[in-house]
Amino acid sequence: MIEALQNFSMAYSYFAAGKLEVDFKGGETLMRWYSAERGEWLNQAKPMPAMPEIHKELVFQDELLRKRLQMKARNGVLLEIDLVYLPTPIQEKKEETPYFPRLLLLFDHNQKRLLGQKLLDKKNKSEEAVSNALIDYVDQYGKPNKILVRDKYFLNYVDSLCSQLEIPAEFDKGVPCVDEFAEEMAGFLEEK
């Protein structure tokens, strides 16, 4: 980790000094590596490598539950769902490494209203928590018209469930309610 941070610092210094232009928005990234041939560290703008595709397939253990959820009516809600990391580390025991807890949030996009939240500790798997929250939501309130998630990676958490329940899910519109909530929470915690 120390070596990685030292190299990051050197690469950033090189970039910040204007010695190299990198089009981050255009899909480039700053790469740094050691060239044994030249006997020096090199910095260069390179195309961002593709993120590996991750597909999580939800298998319903309870077939009756799946059928019941499929029969639920649409409730007219445009649902935002996302996980945000809280900016305050938690250390449960002195000998354990601190971790940043995650907060699972569900918002009504149009009403800008918080519909649900759950604090996840390091033992909770993100994909299970998200799937369970959506199952509970649909079971209690019906199927949302559409689900909005932050990015394509997060879409993998909900894609299988959404396709089985015929709920469209998108990642290209953003999650403004979740973003605003996260910013306000960060500001509140900084004041403490």
Protein backbone atom coordinates (compact mmCIF):
# COMPACT_ATOMS: atom_id res chain seq x y z
CA MET A 1 0.00 0.00 0.00
CA ILE A 2 2.83 2.38 0.87
CA GLU A 3 4.50 1.74 -2.49
CA ALA A 4 1.22 2.32 -4.33
CA LEU A 5 0.61 5.62 -2.51
CA GLN A 6 4.17 6.78 -3.15
CA ASN A 7 3.78 6.06 -6.87
CA PHE A 8 0.40 7.77 -6.93
CA SER A 9 1.96 10.84 -5.33
CA MET A 10 4.77 10.92 -7.90
CA ALA A 11 2.39 10.39 -10.84
CA TYR A 12 0.06 13.12 -9.57
CA SER A 13 2.97 15.54 -9.07
CA TYR A 14 4.03 14.90 -12.67
CA PHE A 15 0.47 15.51 -13.89
CA ALA A 16 -0.15 18.57 -11.66
CA ALA A 17 3.09 20.19 -12.89
CA GLY A 18 1.63 20.14 -16.41
CA LYS A 19 4.20 17.65 -17.75
CA LEU A 20 1.44 15.42 -19.07
CA GLU A 21 -2.14 15.93 -20.26
CA VAL A 22 -4.70 13.23 -19.51
CA ASP A 23 -8.27 13.32 -20.85
CA PHE A 24 -10.01 11.65 -17.91
CA LYS A 25 -13.49 12.51 -19.23
CA GLY A 26 -12.52 11.10 -22.63
CA GLY A 27 -11.69 7.70 -21.20
CA GLU A 28 -7.98 8.07 -20.46
CA THR A 29 -6.17 7.34 -17.23
CA LEU A 30 -2.72 8.15 -15.87
CA MET A 31 -0.45 5.10 -15.84
CA ARG A 32 2.89 4.83 -14.01
CA TRP A 33 5.29 1.93 -14.33
CA TYR A 34 8.94 1.11 -13.97
CA SER A 35 10.91 0.52 -17.17
CA ALA A 36 13.84 -1.77 -16.44
CA GLU A 37 15.06 -1.13 -19.96
CA ARG A 38 15.39 2.62 -19.33
CA GLY A 39 16.06 2.30 -15.61
CA GLU A 40 13.39 4.85 -14.66
CA TRP A 41 9.75 5.34 -13.76
CA LEU A 42 7.49 6.41 -16.64
CA ASN A 43 4.17 8.27 -16.63
CA GLN A 44 1.84 8.21 -19.60
CA ALA A 45 -1.80 8.81 -20.56
CA LYS A 46 -3.37 5.50 -21.61
CA PRO A 47 -6.91 4.38 -22.47
CA MET A 48 -8.79 3.31 -19.35
CA PRO A 49 -8.95 -0.50 -19.25
CA ALA A 50 -12.46 -1.93 -19.46
CA MET A 51 -14.06 -2.81 -16.14
CA PRO A 52 -14.78 -6.52 -15.87
CA GLU A 53 -18.41 -7.43 -16.32
CA ILE A 54 -19.99 -8.81 -13.16
CA HIS A 55 -23.35 -10.49 -13.40
CA LYS A 56 -25.18 -11.47 -10.26
CA GLU A 57 -28.03 -13.85 -10.92
CA LEU A 58 -30.67 -13.83 -8.21
CA VAL A 59 -32.19 -17.25 -7.71
CA PHE A 60 -35.43 -17.15 -5.74
CA GLN A 61 -35.47 -19.86 -3.09
CA ASP A 62 -39.17 -19.23 -2.57
CA GLU A 63 -41.06 -19.69 -5.84
CA LEU A 64 -44.32 -18.51 -4.25
CA LEU A 65 -42.65 -15.25 -3.22
CA ARG A 66 -41.37 -14.69 -6.76
CA LYS A 67 -44.83 -15.28 -8.23
CA ARG A 68 -46.46 -13.04 -5.61
CA LEU A 69 -44.00 -10.23 -6.39
CA GLN A 70 -44.57 -10.62 -10.13
CA MET A 71 -48.31 -10.15 -9.57
CA LYS A 72 -47.88 -6.87 -7.66
CA ALA A 73 -49.28 -3.79 -9.37
CA ARG A 74 -47.12 -0.82 -10.36
CA ASN A 75 -47.18 1.96 -7.78
CA GLY A 76 -46.12 4.88 -10.02
CA VAL A 77 -42.84 5.49 -8.16
CA LEU A 78 -39.55 6.27 -9.89
CA LEU A 79 -37.26 4.64 -7.32
CA GLU A 80 -33.65 5.64 -6.64
CA ILE A 81 -31.56 3.05 -4.84
CA ASP A 82 -27.90 3.20 -3.93
CA LEU A 83 -25.26 2.47 -1.32
CA VAL A 84 -23.25 5.34 0.14
CA TYR A 85 -20.24 5.03 2.38
CA LEU A 86 -20.46 6.98 5.60
CA PRO A 87 -17.39 9.21 6.10
CA THR A 88 -16.84 8.06 9.69
CA PRO A 89 -14.91 4.83 10.28
CA ILE A 90 -16.14 2.32 12.85
CA GLN A 91 -13.88 0.12 14.93
CA GLU A 92 -15.91 -2.41 16.89
CA LYS A 93 -12.95 -3.93 18.75
CA LYS A 94 -9.59 -2.37 19.51
CA GLU A 95 -7.65 -5.11 17.69
CA GLU A 96 -9.83 -4.95 14.53
CA THR A 97 -9.23 -2.77 11.50
CA PRO A 98 -11.69 0.13 11.26
CA TYR A 99 -14.13 0.10 8.35
CA PHE A 100 -16.48 2.57 6.70
CA PRO A 101 -20.11 1.46 7.05
CA ARG A 102 -22.48 1.67 4.09
CA LEU A 103 -25.96 3.11 4.09
CA LEU A 104 -28.50 1.59 1.70
CA LEU A 105 -30.97 4.26 0.57
CA LEU A 106 -34.28 4.13 -1.31
CA PHE A 107 -35.79 7.41 -2.52
CA ASP A 108 -38.93 8.40 -4.40
CA HIS A 109 -37.25 10.37 -7.19
CA ASN A 110 -40.23 12.58 -8.05
CA GLN A 111 -41.35 13.34 -4.48
CA LYS A 112 -37.72 13.62 -3.25
CA ARG A 113 -38.73 11.54 -0.25
CA LEU A 114 -36.69 8.97 1.64
CA LEU A 115 -38.57 5.66 1.52
CA GLY A 116 -36.10 3.40 3.27
CA GLN A 117 -32.64 3.12 4.69
CA LYS A 118 -30.50 0.41 6.22
CA LEU A 119 -27.08 0.65 7.82
CA LEU A 120 -24.81 -2.15 6.60
CA ASP A 121 -21.76 -3.31 8.48
CA LYS A 122 -18.78 -5.17 7.06
CA LYS A 123 -20.58 -8.53 7.39
CA ASN A 124 -23.44 -7.52 5.05
CA LYS A 125 -22.93 -8.37 1.38
CA SER A 126 -24.02 -5.46 -0.80
CA GLU A 127 -25.84 -7.52 -3.43
CA GLU A 128 -27.84 -9.43 -0.81
CA ALA A 129 -28.77 -6.26 1.07
CA VAL A 130 -29.90 -4.52 -2.13
CA SER A 131 -31.90 -7.53 -3.35
CA ASN A 132 -33.57 -7.98 0.03
CA ALA A 133 -34.44 -4.28 0.25
CA LEU A 134 -36.05 -4.36 -3.20
CA ILE A 135 -37.94 -7.56 -2.45
CA ASP A 136 -39.26 -6.04 0.80
CA TYR A 137 -40.19 -2.81 -0.99
CA VAL A 138 -42.09 -4.55 -3.81
CA ASP A 139 -43.80 -6.90 -1.38
CA GLN A 140 -45.00 -4.02 0.78
CA TYR A 141 -45.67 -1.20 -1.74
CA GLY A 142 -45.87 -2.77 -5.20
CA LYS A 143 -43.56 -2.54 -8.20
CA PRO A 144 -42.00 0.83 -8.97
CA ASN A 145 -42.40 2.10 -12.52
CA LYS A 146 -38.62 2.26 -12.88
CA ILE A 147 -35.50 1.96 -10.74
CA LEU A 148 -32.60 4.42 -11.05
CA VAL A 149 -29.12 3.41 -9.96
CA ARG A 150 -25.83 5.35 -9.98
CA ASP A 151 -23.82 3.33 -12.48
CA LYS A 152 -23.55 0.22 -14.60
CA TYR A 153 -21.66 -1.62 -11.85
CA PHE A 154 -24.50 -1.11 -9.36
CA LEU A 155 -27.01 -2.14 -12.03
CA ASN A 156 -25.54 -5.65 -11.75
CA TYR A 157 -26.91 -5.85 -8.18
CA VAL A 158 -30.51 -5.30 -9.32
CA ASP A 159 -30.61 -6.39 -12.95
CA SER A 160 -31.57 -10.03 -12.40
CA LEU A 161 -34.28 -9.19 -9.87
CA CYS A 162 -35.65 -6.37 -12.02
CA SER A 163 -35.85 -8.54 -15.13
CA GLN A 164 -37.68 -11.30 -13.23
CA LEU A 165 -40.19 -8.78 -11.86
CA GLU A 166 -40.43 -6.80 -15.13
CA ILE A 167 -39.18 -3.56 -13.56
CA PRO A 168 -37.06 -1.38 -15.87
CA ALA A 169 -33.76 -0.22 -14.37
CA GLU A 170 -31.48 2.58 -15.64
CA PHE A 171 -28.08 3.90 -14.68
CA ASP A 172 -27.63 6.87 -17.02
CA LYS A 173 -29.94 9.38 -15.30
CA GLY A 174 -28.07 9.46 -11.98
CA VAL A 175 -29.51 9.43 -8.47
CA PRO A 176 -29.86 13.10 -7.47
CA CYS A 177 -31.83 12.47 -4.27
CA VAL A 178 -29.23 10.00 -3.01
CA ASP A 179 -26.43 12.37 -4.01
CA GLU A 180 -28.01 15.30 -2.15
CA PHE A 181 -28.62 13.16 0.94
CA ALA A 182 -24.99 11.95 0.92
CA GLU A 183 -23.65 15.52 0.58
CA GLU A 184 -25.83 16.79 3.43
CA MET A 185 -24.83 13.85 5.64
CA ALA A 186 -21.13 14.43 4.93
CA GLY A 187 -21.54 18.12 5.76
CA PHE A 188 -23.37 17.30 8.98
CA LEU A 189 -20.72 14.81 10.08
CA GLU A 190 -17.90 17.28 9.30
CA GLU A 191 -19.50 19.84 11.62
CA LYS A 192 -19.36 17.43 14.56
